[in-house]
ModelCIF file with pLDDT and N, C-alpha, C, O atoms, coordinates in Angstrom:
data_MODEL
#
_entry.id   MODEL 
#
_entity.id                         1 
_entity.type                       polymer 
_entity.pdbx_number_of_molecules   1 
#
_entity_poly.entity_id                      1 
_entity_poly.type                           'polypeptide(L)' 
_entity_poly.nstd_linkage                   no 
_entity_poly.nstd_monomer                   no 
_entity_poly.pdbx_seq_one_letter_code       FLLTLLGGVLAHAAANVYNDYYDYKNHVDVRPEHGSG 
_entity_poly.pdbx_seq_one_letter_code_can   FLLTLLGGVLAHAAANVYNDYYDYKNHVDVRPEHGSG 
_entity_poly.pdbx_strand_id                 A 
#
loop_
_entity_poly_seq.entity_id 
_entity_poly_seq.num 
_entity_poly_seq.mon_id 
_entity_poly_seq.hetero 
1 1  PHE n 
1 2  LEU n 
1 3  LEU n 
1 4  THR n 
1 5  LEU n 
1 6  LEU n 
1 7  GLY n 
1 8  GLY n 
1 9  VAL n 
1 10 LEU n 
1 11 ALA n 
1 12 HIS n 
1 13 ALA n 
1 14 ALA n 
1 15 ALA n 
1 16 ASN n 
1 17 VAL n 
1 18 TYR n 
1 19 ASN n 
1 20 ASP n 
1 21 TYR n 
1 22 TYR n 
1 23 ASP n 
1 24 TYR n 
1 25 LYS n 
1 26 ASN n 
1 27 HIS n 
1 28 VAL n 
1 29 ASP n 
1 30 VAL n 
1 31 ARG n 
1 32 PRO n 
1 33 GLU n 
1 34 HIS n 
1 35 GLY n 
1 36 SER n 
1 37 GLY n 
#
_struct_asym.id          A 
_struct_asym.entity_id   1 
#
loop_
_ma_qa_metric.id 
_ma_qa_metric.mode 
_ma_qa_metric.name 
_ma_qa_metric.software_group_id 
_ma_qa_metric.type 
1 global pLDDT . pLDDT 
2 local  pLDDT . pLDDT 
#
_ma_qa_metric_global.metric_id      1 
_ma_qa_metric_global.metric_value   83.78 
_ma_qa_metric_global.model_id       1 
_ma_qa_metric_global.ordinal_id     1 
#
loop_
_ma_qa_metric_local.label_asym_id 
_ma_qa_metric_local.label_comp_id 
_ma_qa_metric_local.label_seq_id 
_ma_qa_metric_local.metric_id 
_ma_qa_metric_local.metric_value 
_ma_qa_metric_local.model_id 
_ma_qa_metric_local.ordinal_id 
A PHE 1  2 92.00 1 1  
A LEU 2  2 92.00 1 2  
A LEU 3  2 90.00 1 3  
A THR 4  2 90.00 1 4  
A LEU 5  2 93.00 1 5  
A LEU 6  2 92.00 1 6  
A GLY 7  2 90.00 1 7  
A GLY 8  2 90.00 1 8  
A VAL 9  2 92.00 1 9  
A LEU 10 2 92.00 1 10 
A ALA 11 2 89.00 1 11 
A HIS 12 2 91.00 1 12 
A ALA 13 2 92.00 1 13 
A ALA 14 2 91.00 1 14 
A ALA 15 2 88.00 1 15 
A ASN 16 2 90.00 1 16 
A VAL 17 2 92.00 1 17 
A TYR 18 2 90.00 1 18 
A ASN 19 2 86.00 1 19 
A ASP 20 2 88.00 1 20 
A TYR 21 2 89.00 1 21 
A TYR 22 2 87.00 1 22 
A ASP 23 2 83.00 1 23 
A TYR 24 2 85.00 1 24 
A LYS 25 2 83.00 1 25 
A ASN 26 2 79.00 1 26 
A HIS 27 2 77.00 1 27 
A VAL 28 2 77.00 1 28 
A ASP 29 2 67.00 1 29 
A VAL 30 2 69.00 1 30 
A ARG 31 2 71.00 1 31 
A PRO 32 2 64.00 1 32 
A GLU 33 2 68.00 1 33 
A HIS 34 2 69.00 1 34 
A GLY 35 2 67.00 1 35 
A SER 36 2 77.00 1 36 
A GLY 37 2 78.00 1 37 
#
loop_
_atom_site.group_PDB 
_atom_site.id 
_atom_site.type_symbol 
_atom_site.label_atom_id 
_atom_site.label_alt_id 
_atom_site.label_comp_id 
_atom_site.label_asym_id 
_atom_site.label_entity_id 
_atom_site.label_seq_id 
_atom_site.pdbx_PDB_ins_code 
_atom_site.Cartn_x 
_atom_site.Cartn_y 
_atom_site.Cartn_z 
_atom_site.occupancy 
_atom_site.B_iso_or_equiv 
_atom_site.pdbx_formal_charge 
_atom_site.auth_seq_id 
_atom_site.auth_comp_id 
_atom_site.auth_asym_id 
_atom_site.auth_atom_id 
_atom_site.pdbx_PDB_model_num 
ATOM 1   N N  . PHE A 1 1  ? -16.865 -8.095  15.830  1.00 92.00 ? 1  PHE A N  1 
ATOM 2   C CA . PHE A 1 1  ? -15.314 -7.003  15.702  1.00 92.00 ? 1  PHE A CA 1 
ATOM 3   C C  . PHE A 1 1  ? -14.576 -7.715  15.114  1.00 92.00 ? 1  PHE A C  1 
ATOM 4   O O  . PHE A 1 1  ? -14.146 -7.190  14.087  1.00 92.00 ? 1  PHE A O  1 
ATOM 5   N N  . LEU A 1 2  ? -14.018 -9.272  15.414  1.00 92.00 ? 2  LEU A N  1 
ATOM 6   C CA . LEU A 1 2  ? -12.719 -9.339  15.011  1.00 92.00 ? 2  LEU A CA 1 
ATOM 7   C C  . LEU A 1 2  ? -12.928 -9.263  13.420  1.00 92.00 ? 2  LEU A C  1 
ATOM 8   O O  . LEU A 1 2  ? -12.257 -8.472  12.757  1.00 92.00 ? 2  LEU A O  1 
ATOM 9   N N  . LEU A 1 3  ? -13.923 -10.149 12.799  1.00 90.00 ? 3  LEU A N  1 
ATOM 10  C CA . LEU A 1 3  ? -13.961 -9.916  11.353  1.00 90.00 ? 3  LEU A CA 1 
ATOM 11  C C  . LEU A 1 3  ? -14.009 -8.484  10.768  1.00 90.00 ? 3  LEU A C  1 
ATOM 12  O O  . LEU A 1 3  ? -13.425 -8.302  9.700   1.00 90.00 ? 3  LEU A O  1 
ATOM 13  N N  . THR A 1 4  ? -14.619 -7.497  11.335  1.00 90.00 ? 4  THR A N  1 
ATOM 14  C CA . THR A 1 4  ? -14.420 -6.046  11.207  1.00 90.00 ? 4  THR A CA 1 
ATOM 15  C C  . THR A 1 4  ? -13.082 -5.658  11.265  1.00 90.00 ? 4  THR A C  1 
ATOM 16  O O  . THR A 1 4  ? -12.696 -4.916  10.362  1.00 90.00 ? 4  THR A O  1 
ATOM 17  N N  . LEU A 1 5  ? -12.253 -6.012  12.167  1.00 93.00 ? 5  LEU A N  1 
ATOM 18  C CA . LEU A 1 5  ? -10.972 -5.552  12.250  1.00 93.00 ? 5  LEU A CA 1 
ATOM 19  C C  . LEU A 1 5  ? -10.214 -6.230  11.322  1.00 93.00 ? 5  LEU A C  1 
ATOM 20  O O  . LEU A 1 5  ? -9.631  -5.416  10.606  1.00 93.00 ? 5  LEU A O  1 
ATOM 21  N N  . LEU A 1 6  ? -10.006 -7.210  11.069  1.00 92.00 ? 6  LEU A N  1 
ATOM 22  C CA . LEU A 1 6  ? -9.495  -8.247  10.180  1.00 92.00 ? 6  LEU A CA 1 
ATOM 23  C C  . LEU A 1 6  ? -9.614  -7.696  8.661   1.00 92.00 ? 6  LEU A C  1 
ATOM 24  O O  . LEU A 1 6  ? -8.711  -7.502  7.848   1.00 92.00 ? 6  LEU A O  1 
ATOM 25  N N  . GLY A 1 7  ? -10.995 -7.508  8.537   1.00 90.00 ? 7  GLY A N  1 
ATOM 26  C CA . GLY A 1 7  ? -11.202 -6.898  7.300   1.00 90.00 ? 7  GLY A CA 1 
ATOM 27  C C  . GLY A 1 7  ? -10.792 -5.754  6.788   1.00 90.00 ? 7  GLY A C  1 
ATOM 28  O O  . GLY A 1 7  ? -10.429 -5.594  5.623   1.00 90.00 ? 7  GLY A O  1 
ATOM 29  N N  . GLY A 1 8  ? -10.853 -4.669  7.910   1.00 90.00 ? 8  GLY A N  1 
ATOM 30  C CA . GLY A 1 8  ? -10.343 -3.549  7.578   1.00 90.00 ? 8  GLY A CA 1 
ATOM 31  C C  . GLY A 1 8  ? -8.889  -3.389  7.624   1.00 90.00 ? 8  GLY A C  1 
ATOM 32  O O  . GLY A 1 8  ? -8.289  -2.587  6.908   1.00 90.00 ? 8  GLY A O  1 
ATOM 33  N N  . VAL A 1 9  ? -8.391  -4.080  8.386   1.00 92.00 ? 9  VAL A N  1 
ATOM 34  C CA . VAL A 1 9  ? -6.501  -3.787  8.339   1.00 92.00 ? 9  VAL A CA 1 
ATOM 35  C C  . VAL A 1 9  ? -6.283  -4.510  6.903   1.00 92.00 ? 9  VAL A C  1 
ATOM 36  O O  . VAL A 1 9  ? -5.544  -3.975  6.077   1.00 92.00 ? 9  VAL A O  1 
ATOM 37  N N  . LEU A 1 10 ? -6.874  -5.616  6.647   1.00 92.00 ? 10 LEU A N  1 
ATOM 38  C CA . LEU A 1 10 ? -6.407  -6.378  5.016   1.00 92.00 ? 10 LEU A CA 1 
ATOM 39  C C  . LEU A 1 10 ? -6.709  -5.407  4.073   1.00 92.00 ? 10 LEU A C  1 
ATOM 40  O O  . LEU A 1 10 ? -5.960  -5.314  3.102   1.00 92.00 ? 10 LEU A O  1 
ATOM 41  N N  . ALA A 1 11 ? -7.848  -4.521  4.192   1.00 89.00 ? 11 ALA A N  1 
ATOM 42  C CA . ALA A 1 11 ? -8.469  -3.588  3.277   1.00 89.00 ? 11 ALA A CA 1 
ATOM 43  C C  . ALA A 1 11 ? -7.048  -2.322  3.176   1.00 89.00 ? 11 ALA A C  1 
ATOM 44  O O  . ALA A 1 11 ? -6.499  -1.965  2.134   1.00 89.00 ? 11 ALA A O  1 
ATOM 45  N N  . HIS A 1 12 ? -6.790  -1.942  4.302   1.00 91.00 ? 12 HIS A N  1 
ATOM 46  C CA . HIS A 1 12 ? -5.754  -0.967  4.487   1.00 91.00 ? 12 HIS A CA 1 
ATOM 47  C C  . HIS A 1 12 ? -4.478  -1.179  3.966   1.00 91.00 ? 12 HIS A C  1 
ATOM 48  O O  . HIS A 1 12 ? -3.727  -0.364  3.431   1.00 91.00 ? 12 HIS A O  1 
ATOM 49  N N  . ALA A 1 13 ? -4.295  -2.560  4.220   1.00 92.00 ? 13 ALA A N  1 
ATOM 50  C CA . ALA A 1 13 ? -2.876  -3.351  3.673   1.00 92.00 ? 13 ALA A CA 1 
ATOM 51  C C  . ALA A 1 13 ? -2.913  -3.154  2.204   1.00 92.00 ? 13 ALA A C  1 
ATOM 52  O O  . ALA A 1 13 ? -2.084  -2.461  1.615   1.00 92.00 ? 13 ALA A O  1 
ATOM 53  N N  . ALA A 1 14 ? -4.086  -3.901  1.507   1.00 91.00 ? 14 ALA A N  1 
ATOM 54  C CA . ALA A 1 14 ? -4.085  -3.710  0.041   1.00 91.00 ? 14 ALA A CA 1 
ATOM 55  C C  . ALA A 1 14 ? -3.866  -2.208  -0.481  1.00 91.00 ? 14 ALA A C  1 
ATOM 56  O O  . ALA A 1 14 ? -3.100  -2.042  -1.430  1.00 91.00 ? 14 ALA A O  1 
ATOM 57  N N  . ALA A 1 15 ? -4.446  -1.220  0.046   1.00 88.00 ? 15 ALA A N  1 
ATOM 58  C CA . ALA A 1 15 ? -4.458  0.010   -0.412  1.00 88.00 ? 15 ALA A CA 1 
ATOM 59  C C  . ALA A 1 15 ? -2.997  0.645   -0.342  1.00 88.00 ? 15 ALA A C  1 
ATOM 60  O O  . ALA A 1 15 ? -2.474  1.434   -1.129  1.00 88.00 ? 15 ALA A O  1 
ATOM 61  N N  . ASN A 1 16 ? -2.459  0.048   0.889   1.00 90.00 ? 16 ASN A N  1 
ATOM 62  C CA . ASN A 1 16 ? -0.790  0.277   0.770   1.00 90.00 ? 16 ASN A CA 1 
ATOM 63  C C  . ASN A 1 16 ? 0.009   -0.106  -0.469  1.00 90.00 ? 16 ASN A C  1 
ATOM 64  O O  . ASN A 1 16 ? 0.780   0.596   -1.122  1.00 90.00 ? 16 ASN A O  1 
ATOM 65  N N  . VAL A 1 17 ? -0.343  -1.359  -0.645  1.00 92.00 ? 17 VAL A N  1 
ATOM 66  C CA . VAL A 1 17 ? 0.475   -1.948  -1.646  1.00 92.00 ? 17 VAL A CA 1 
ATOM 67  C C  . VAL A 1 17 ? 0.106   -1.383  -3.082  1.00 92.00 ? 17 VAL A C  1 
ATOM 68  O O  . VAL A 1 17 ? 0.976   -1.104  -3.908  1.00 92.00 ? 17 VAL A O  1 
ATOM 69  N N  . TYR A 1 18 ? -1.265  -1.235  -3.317  1.00 90.00 ? 18 TYR A N  1 
ATOM 70  C CA . TYR A 1 18 ? -1.533  -0.563  -4.752  1.00 90.00 ? 18 TYR A CA 1 
ATOM 71  C C  . TYR A 1 18 ? -0.941  0.725   -4.915  1.00 90.00 ? 18 TYR A C  1 
ATOM 72  O O  . TYR A 1 18 ? -0.612  1.162   -6.018  1.00 90.00 ? 18 TYR A O  1 
ATOM 73  N N  . ASN A 1 19 ? -0.759  1.520   -3.530  1.00 86.00 ? 19 ASN A N  1 
ATOM 74  C CA . ASN A 1 19 ? -0.187  2.898   -3.520  1.00 86.00 ? 19 ASN A CA 1 
ATOM 75  C C  . ASN A 1 19 ? 1.130   2.790   -4.036  1.00 86.00 ? 19 ASN A C  1 
ATOM 76  O O  . ASN A 1 19 ? 1.610   3.672   -4.748  1.00 86.00 ? 19 ASN A O  1 
ATOM 77  N N  . ASP A 1 20 ? 1.851   1.573   -3.660  1.00 88.00 ? 20 ASP A N  1 
ATOM 78  C CA . ASP A 1 20 ? 3.263   1.505   -3.771  1.00 88.00 ? 20 ASP A CA 1 
ATOM 79  C C  . ASP A 1 20 ? 3.198   1.271   -5.444  1.00 88.00 ? 20 ASP A C  1 
ATOM 80  O O  . ASP A 1 20 ? 3.791   2.059   -6.180  1.00 88.00 ? 20 ASP A O  1 
ATOM 81  N N  . TYR A 1 21 ? 2.424   0.117   -5.995  1.00 89.00 ? 21 TYR A N  1 
ATOM 82  C CA . TYR A 1 21 ? 2.572   0.005   -7.243  1.00 89.00 ? 21 TYR A CA 1 
ATOM 83  C C  . TYR A 1 21 ? 2.435   0.983   -8.208  1.00 89.00 ? 21 TYR A C  1 
ATOM 84  O O  . TYR A 1 21 ? 3.266   1.204   -9.089  1.00 89.00 ? 21 TYR A O  1 
ATOM 85  N N  . TYR A 1 22 ? 1.040   1.768   -7.993  1.00 87.00 ? 22 TYR A N  1 
ATOM 86  C CA . TYR A 1 22 ? 0.758   2.869   -9.236  1.00 87.00 ? 22 TYR A CA 1 
ATOM 87  C C  . TYR A 1 22 ? 1.977   4.186   -9.039  1.00 87.00 ? 22 TYR A C  1 
ATOM 88  O O  . TYR A 1 22 ? 2.274   4.921   -9.980  1.00 87.00 ? 22 TYR A O  1 
ATOM 89  N N  . ASP A 1 23 ? 2.428   4.277   -8.024  1.00 83.00 ? 23 ASP A N  1 
ATOM 90  C CA . ASP A 1 23 ? 3.481   5.371   -7.506  1.00 83.00 ? 23 ASP A CA 1 
ATOM 91  C C  . ASP A 1 23 ? 4.838   4.766   -8.204  1.00 83.00 ? 23 ASP A C  1 
ATOM 92  O O  . ASP A 1 23 ? 5.570   5.555   -8.802  1.00 83.00 ? 23 ASP A O  1 
ATOM 93  N N  . TYR A 1 24 ? 5.137   3.561   -8.144  1.00 85.00 ? 24 TYR A N  1 
ATOM 94  C CA . TYR A 1 24 ? 6.134   3.022   -9.026  1.00 85.00 ? 24 TYR A CA 1 
ATOM 95  C C  . TYR A 1 24 ? 6.055   3.164   -10.578 1.00 85.00 ? 24 TYR A C  1 
ATOM 96  O O  . TYR A 1 24 ? 6.909   3.649   -11.319 1.00 85.00 ? 24 TYR A O  1 
ATOM 97  N N  . LYS A 1 25 ? 4.949   2.682   -10.879 1.00 83.00 ? 25 LYS A N  1 
ATOM 98  C CA . LYS A 1 25 ? 4.689   2.311   -12.616 1.00 83.00 ? 25 LYS A CA 1 
ATOM 99  C C  . LYS A 1 25 ? 4.525   4.092   -12.840 1.00 83.00 ? 25 LYS A C  1 
ATOM 100 O O  . LYS A 1 25 ? 5.139   4.467   -13.839 1.00 83.00 ? 25 LYS A O  1 
ATOM 101 N N  . ASN A 1 26 ? 3.900   5.068   -12.177 1.00 79.00 ? 26 ASN A N  1 
ATOM 102 C CA . ASN A 1 26 ? 3.663   6.496   -12.656 1.00 79.00 ? 26 ASN A CA 1 
ATOM 103 C C  . ASN A 1 26 ? 4.826   7.182   -12.346 1.00 79.00 ? 26 ASN A C  1 
ATOM 104 O O  . ASN A 1 26 ? 4.777   8.407   -12.454 1.00 79.00 ? 26 ASN A O  1 
ATOM 105 N N  . HIS A 1 27 ? 6.009   6.595   -11.933 1.00 77.00 ? 27 HIS A N  1 
ATOM 106 C CA . HIS A 1 27 ? 7.459   6.979   -11.639 1.00 77.00 ? 27 HIS A CA 1 
ATOM 107 C C  . HIS A 1 27 ? 7.343   8.221   -10.722 1.00 77.00 ? 27 HIS A C  1 
ATOM 108 O O  . HIS A 1 27 ? 8.104   9.176   -10.879 1.00 77.00 ? 27 HIS A O  1 
ATOM 109 N N  . VAL A 1 28 ? 6.379   8.205   -9.754  1.00 77.00 ? 28 VAL A N  1 
ATOM 110 C CA . VAL A 1 28 ? 6.283   8.913   -8.587  1.00 77.00 ? 28 VAL A CA 1 
ATOM 111 C C  . VAL A 1 28 ? 7.339   8.433   -7.499  1.00 77.00 ? 28 VAL A C  1 
ATOM 112 O O  . VAL A 1 28 ? 8.090   9.242   -6.953  1.00 77.00 ? 28 VAL A O  1 
ATOM 113 N N  . ASP A 1 29 ? 7.355   7.261   -7.252  1.00 67.00 ? 29 ASP A N  1 
ATOM 114 C CA . ASP A 1 29 ? 8.621   6.583   -6.338  1.00 67.00 ? 29 ASP A CA 1 
ATOM 115 C C  . ASP A 1 29 ? 9.690   6.186   -7.393  1.00 67.00 ? 29 ASP A C  1 
ATOM 116 O O  . ASP A 1 29 ? 9.587   5.382   -8.319  1.00 67.00 ? 29 ASP A O  1 
ATOM 117 N N  . VAL A 1 30 ? 10.835  7.023   -6.982  1.00 69.00 ? 30 VAL A N  1 
ATOM 118 C CA . VAL A 1 30 ? 12.152  6.718   -7.785  1.00 69.00 ? 30 VAL A CA 1 
ATOM 119 C C  . VAL A 1 30 ? 13.129  6.168   -7.212  1.00 69.00 ? 30 VAL A C  1 
ATOM 120 O O  . VAL A 1 30 ? 13.754  5.191   -7.626  1.00 69.00 ? 30 VAL A O  1 
ATOM 121 N N  . ARG A 1 31 ? 13.347  6.902   -6.013  1.00 71.00 ? 31 ARG A N  1 
ATOM 122 C CA . ARG A 1 31 ? 14.550  6.522   -4.878  1.00 71.00 ? 31 ARG A CA 1 
ATOM 123 C C  . ARG A 1 31 ? 14.134  5.372   -4.076  1.00 71.00 ? 31 ARG A C  1 
ATOM 124 O O  . ARG A 1 31 ? 12.988  5.032   -3.782  1.00 71.00 ? 31 ARG A O  1 
ATOM 125 N N  . PRO A 1 32 ? 15.522  4.696   -3.693  1.00 64.00 ? 32 PRO A N  1 
ATOM 126 C CA . PRO A 1 32 ? 15.300  3.289   -2.827  1.00 64.00 ? 32 PRO A CA 1 
ATOM 127 C C  . PRO A 1 32 ? 14.323  3.803   -1.524  1.00 64.00 ? 32 PRO A C  1 
ATOM 128 O O  . PRO A 1 32 ? 13.522  2.980   -1.081  1.00 64.00 ? 32 PRO A O  1 
ATOM 129 N N  . GLU A 1 33 ? 14.384  5.108   -0.934  1.00 68.00 ? 33 GLU A N  1 
ATOM 130 C CA . GLU A 1 33 ? 13.674  5.257   0.064   1.00 68.00 ? 33 GLU A CA 1 
ATOM 131 C C  . GLU A 1 33 ? 12.289  5.476   -0.035  1.00 68.00 ? 33 GLU A C  1 
ATOM 132 O O  . GLU A 1 33 ? 11.547  5.490   0.948   1.00 68.00 ? 33 GLU A O  1 
ATOM 133 N N  . HIS A 1 34 ? 11.842  5.685   -1.436  1.00 69.00 ? 34 HIS A N  1 
ATOM 134 C CA . HIS A 1 34 ? 10.289  6.148   -1.602  1.00 69.00 ? 34 HIS A CA 1 
ATOM 135 C C  . HIS A 1 34 ? 9.347   4.843   -1.227  1.00 69.00 ? 34 HIS A C  1 
ATOM 136 O O  . HIS A 1 34 ? 9.724   3.676   -1.331  1.00 69.00 ? 34 HIS A O  1 
ATOM 137 N N  . GLY A 1 35 ? 8.049   5.271   -0.770  1.00 67.00 ? 35 GLY A N  1 
ATOM 138 C CA . GLY A 1 35 ? 7.355   4.080   -0.550  1.00 67.00 ? 35 GLY A CA 1 
ATOM 139 C C  . GLY A 1 35 ? 7.713   3.238   0.480   1.00 67.00 ? 35 GLY A C  1 
ATOM 140 O O  . GLY A 1 35 ? 8.293   3.578   1.511   1.00 67.00 ? 35 GLY A O  1 
ATOM 141 N N  . SER A 1 36 ? 7.323   2.035   0.148   1.00 77.00 ? 36 SER A N  1 
ATOM 142 C CA . SER A 1 36 ? 7.770   1.023   0.958   1.00 77.00 ? 36 SER A CA 1 
ATOM 143 C C  . SER A 1 36 ? 9.255   0.586   1.185   1.00 77.00 ? 36 SER A C  1 
ATOM 144 O O  . SER A 1 36 ? 9.848   0.245   2.209   1.00 77.00 ? 36 SER A O  1 
ATOM 145 N N  . GLY A 1 37 ? 9.689   0.722   -0.231  1.00 78.00 ? 37 GLY A N  1 
ATOM 146 C CA . GLY A 1 37 ? 10.995  0.565   -0.616  1.00 78.00 ? 37 GLY A CA 1 
ATOM 147 C C  . GLY A 1 37 ? 11.100  -0.969  -1.279  1.00 78.00 ? 37 GLY A C  1 
ATOM 148 O O  . GLY A 1 37 ? 12.176  -1.381  -1.714  1.00 78.00 ? 37 GLY A O  1 
#
């Protein structure tokens, strides 16, 4: 359970970070409040 929970949260965190990266590179996030900032 603990490994599943940790692995799942880490995968979710990676998805959040990648989403910020690609939205920034593709000029989707352009204002300071966009994404995580």
